[in-house]
Amino acid sequence: ILNNIIKHSKATEIRVSMKSDKNGVITEIVYNGINMTLDSLTNLFQTELKYFDLRLELIKASVDYGVNEHGESVITLNISTHER
């Protein structure tokens, strides 16, 4: 994810934060570049996304894409510590 943001979003600032709780680990990536929605990522990186989805499944994770109140792009990666 970070590699694609650096290479393609034209961001001048990227912030990464992580927190954990009894359910797992949440990683939030906030950046001020071009918003990488799931649709735009699918169009640009179809092959890479296929492998990204497989990796998410292997580690019991999900990803959400959005925009915060400041217009910055936000990607949230949730990694579960529980069996599914």
C-alpha atoms as a PDB file:
ATOM      1  CA  ILE A   1       0.000   0.000   0.000  1.00  0.00           C
ATOM      2  CA  LEU A   2       2.705   2.480   0.987  1.00  0.00           C
ATOM      3  CA  ASN A   3       4.693   1.715  -2.130  1.00  0.00           C
ATOM      4  CA  ASN A   4       1.690   2.506  -4.358  1.00  0.00           C
ATOM      5  CA  ILE A   5       0.953   5.726  -2.449  1.00  0.00           C
ATOM      6  CA  ILE A   6       4.552   6.866  -2.839  1.00  0.00           C
ATOM      7  CA  LYS A   7       4.721   5.945  -6.526  1.00  0.00           C
ATOM      8  CA  HIS A   8       1.299   7.077  -7.741  1.00  0.00           C
ATOM      9  CA  SER A   9      -0.555   9.472  -5.426  1.00  0.00           C
ATOM     10  CA  LYS A  10       1.717  12.547  -5.655  1.00  0.00           C
ATOM     11  CA  ALA A  11       1.437  12.870  -1.863  1.00  0.00           C
ATOM     12  CA  THR A  12       3.677  15.301  -0.028  1.00  0.00           C
ATOM     13  CA  GLU A  13       2.751  13.900   3.398  1.00  0.00           C
ATOM     14  CA  ILE A  14       1.971  10.382   4.618  1.00  0.00           C
ATOM     15  CA  ARG A  15       1.084   9.514   8.222  1.00  0.00           C
ATOM     16  CA  VAL A  16       0.896   5.952   9.509  1.00  0.00           C
ATOM     17  CA  SER A  17      -0.568   5.002  12.875  1.00  0.00           C
ATOM     18  CA  MET A  18      -1.136   1.618  14.480  1.00  0.00           C
ATOM     19  CA  LYS A  19      -3.126   0.498  17.478  1.00  0.00           C
ATOM     20  CA  SER A  20      -4.086  -2.860  18.878  1.00  0.00           C
ATOM     21  CA  ASP A  21      -6.853  -4.183  21.046  1.00  0.00           C
ATOM     22  CA  LYS A  22      -8.271  -7.583  21.988  1.00  0.00           C
ATOM     23  CA  ASN A  23      -9.658  -8.033  18.454  1.00  0.00           C
ATOM     24  CA  GLY A  24      -6.534  -7.284  16.446  1.00  0.00           C
ATOM     25  CA  VAL A  25      -4.390  -4.543  14.962  1.00  0.00           C
ATOM     26  CA  ILE A  26      -5.608  -1.472  13.082  1.00  0.00           C
ATOM     27  CA  THR A  27      -3.220   0.382  10.788  1.00  0.00           C
ATOM     28  CA  GLU A  28      -4.365   3.741   9.420  1.00  0.00           C
ATOM     29  CA  ILE A  29      -2.584   5.445   6.540  1.00  0.00           C
ATOM     30  CA  VAL A  30      -3.480   9.081   5.860  1.00  0.00           C
ATOM     31  CA  TYR A  31      -2.011  10.986   2.920  1.00  0.00           C
ATOM     32  CA  ASN A  32      -2.657  14.188   1.017  1.00  0.00           C
ATOM     33  CA  GLY A  33      -2.234  12.881  -2.526  1.00  0.00           C
ATOM     34  CA  ILE A  34      -4.609  11.539  -5.134  1.00  0.00           C
ATOM     35  CA  ASN A  35      -7.338   9.457  -3.500  1.00  0.00           C
ATOM     36  CA  MET A  36      -6.765   5.777  -4.215  1.00  0.00           C
ATOM     37  CA  THR A  37     -10.273   4.354  -4.070  1.00  0.00           C
ATOM     38  CA  LEU A  38     -10.851   0.678  -4.608  1.00  0.00           C
ATOM     39  CA  ASP A  39     -12.154   1.423  -8.120  1.00  0.00           C
ATOM     40  CA  SER A  40      -9.097   3.461  -9.137  1.00  0.00           C
ATOM     41  CA  LEU A  41      -6.765   0.878  -7.634  1.00  0.00           C
ATOM     42  CA  THR A  42      -8.573  -1.886  -9.494  1.00  0.00           C
ATOM     43  CA  ASN A  43      -8.115  -0.074 -12.800  1.00  0.00           C
ATOM     44  CA  LEU A  44      -4.428   0.670 -12.210  1.00  0.00           C
ATOM     45  CA  PHE A  45      -3.214  -2.431 -10.437  1.00  0.00           C
ATOM     46  CA  GLN A  46      -5.499  -5.317 -11.313  1.00  0.00           C
ATOM     47  CA  THR A  47      -2.781  -7.980 -11.061  1.00  0.00           C
ATOM     48  CA  GLU A  48      -1.255  -6.518  -7.896  1.00  0.00           C
ATOM     49  CA  LEU A  49      -4.686  -6.279  -6.237  1.00  0.00           C
ATOM     50  CA  LYS A  50      -5.347  -9.956  -6.894  1.00  0.00           C
ATOM     51  CA  TYR A  51      -2.251 -10.843  -4.872  1.00  0.00           C
ATOM     52  CA  PHE A  52      -3.028  -8.137  -2.302  1.00  0.00           C
ATOM     53  CA  ASP A  53      -6.467  -9.699  -1.725  1.00  0.00           C
ATOM     54  CA  LEU A  54      -4.859 -13.120  -1.291  1.00  0.00           C
ATOM     55  CA  ARG A  55      -2.420 -11.722   1.275  1.00  0.00           C
ATOM     56  CA  LEU A  56      -5.272 -10.012   3.148  1.00  0.00           C
ATOM     57  CA  GLU A  57      -7.136 -13.297   3.296  1.00  0.00           C
ATOM     58  CA  LEU A  58      -4.066 -15.156   4.576  1.00  0.00           C
ATOM     59  CA  ILE A  59      -3.598 -12.776   7.503  1.00  0.00           C
ATOM     60  CA  LYS A  60      -7.343 -12.441   8.222  1.00  0.00           C
ATOM     61  CA  ALA A  61      -7.399  -8.765   7.312  1.00  0.00           C
ATOM     62  CA  SER A  62      -9.713  -6.268   5.635  1.00  0.00           C
ATOM     63  CA  VAL A  63      -9.074  -2.866   4.083  1.00  0.00           C
ATOM     64  CA  ASP A  64     -11.263   0.242   3.869  1.00  0.00           C
ATOM     65  CA  TYR A  65     -10.704   3.334   1.719  1.00  0.00           C
ATOM     66  CA  GLY A  66     -12.086   6.788   2.497  1.00  0.00           C
ATOM     67  CA  VAL A  67     -11.528  10.520   2.828  1.00  0.00           C
ATOM     68  CA  ASN A  68     -11.343  12.390   6.139  1.00  0.00           C
ATOM     69  CA  GLU A  69     -12.809  15.801   7.033  1.00  0.00           C
ATOM     70  CA  HIS A  70      -9.642  17.522   5.751  1.00  0.00           C
ATOM     71  CA  GLY A  71      -9.942  15.966   2.284  1.00  0.00           C
ATOM     72  CA  GLU A  72      -7.047  13.589   2.926  1.00  0.00           C
ATOM     73  CA  SER A  73      -7.184  10.002   1.727  1.00  0.00           C
ATOM     74  CA  VAL A  74      -7.453   7.371   4.456  1.00  0.00           C
ATOM     75  CA  ILE A  75      -6.720   3.670   4.141  1.00  0.00           C
ATOM     76  CA  THR A  76      -7.542   1.527   7.165  1.00  0.00           C
ATOM     77  CA  LEU A  77      -6.165  -1.995   7.431  1.00  0.00           C
ATOM     78  CA  ASN A  78      -7.780  -4.219  10.061  1.00  0.00           C
ATOM     79  CA  ILE A  79      -5.923  -7.401  11.007  1.00  0.00           C
ATOM     80  CA  SER A  80      -7.899  -9.791  13.167  1.00  0.00           C
ATOM     81  CA  THR A  81      -6.227 -11.873  15.869  1.00  0.00           C
ATOM     82  CA  HIS A  82      -9.249 -14.201  16.009  1.00  0.00           C
ATOM     83  CA  GLU A  83      -9.923 -17.210  13.820  1.00  0.00           C
ATOM     84  CA  ARG A  84     -12.634 -16.718  11.219  1.00  0.00           C
END
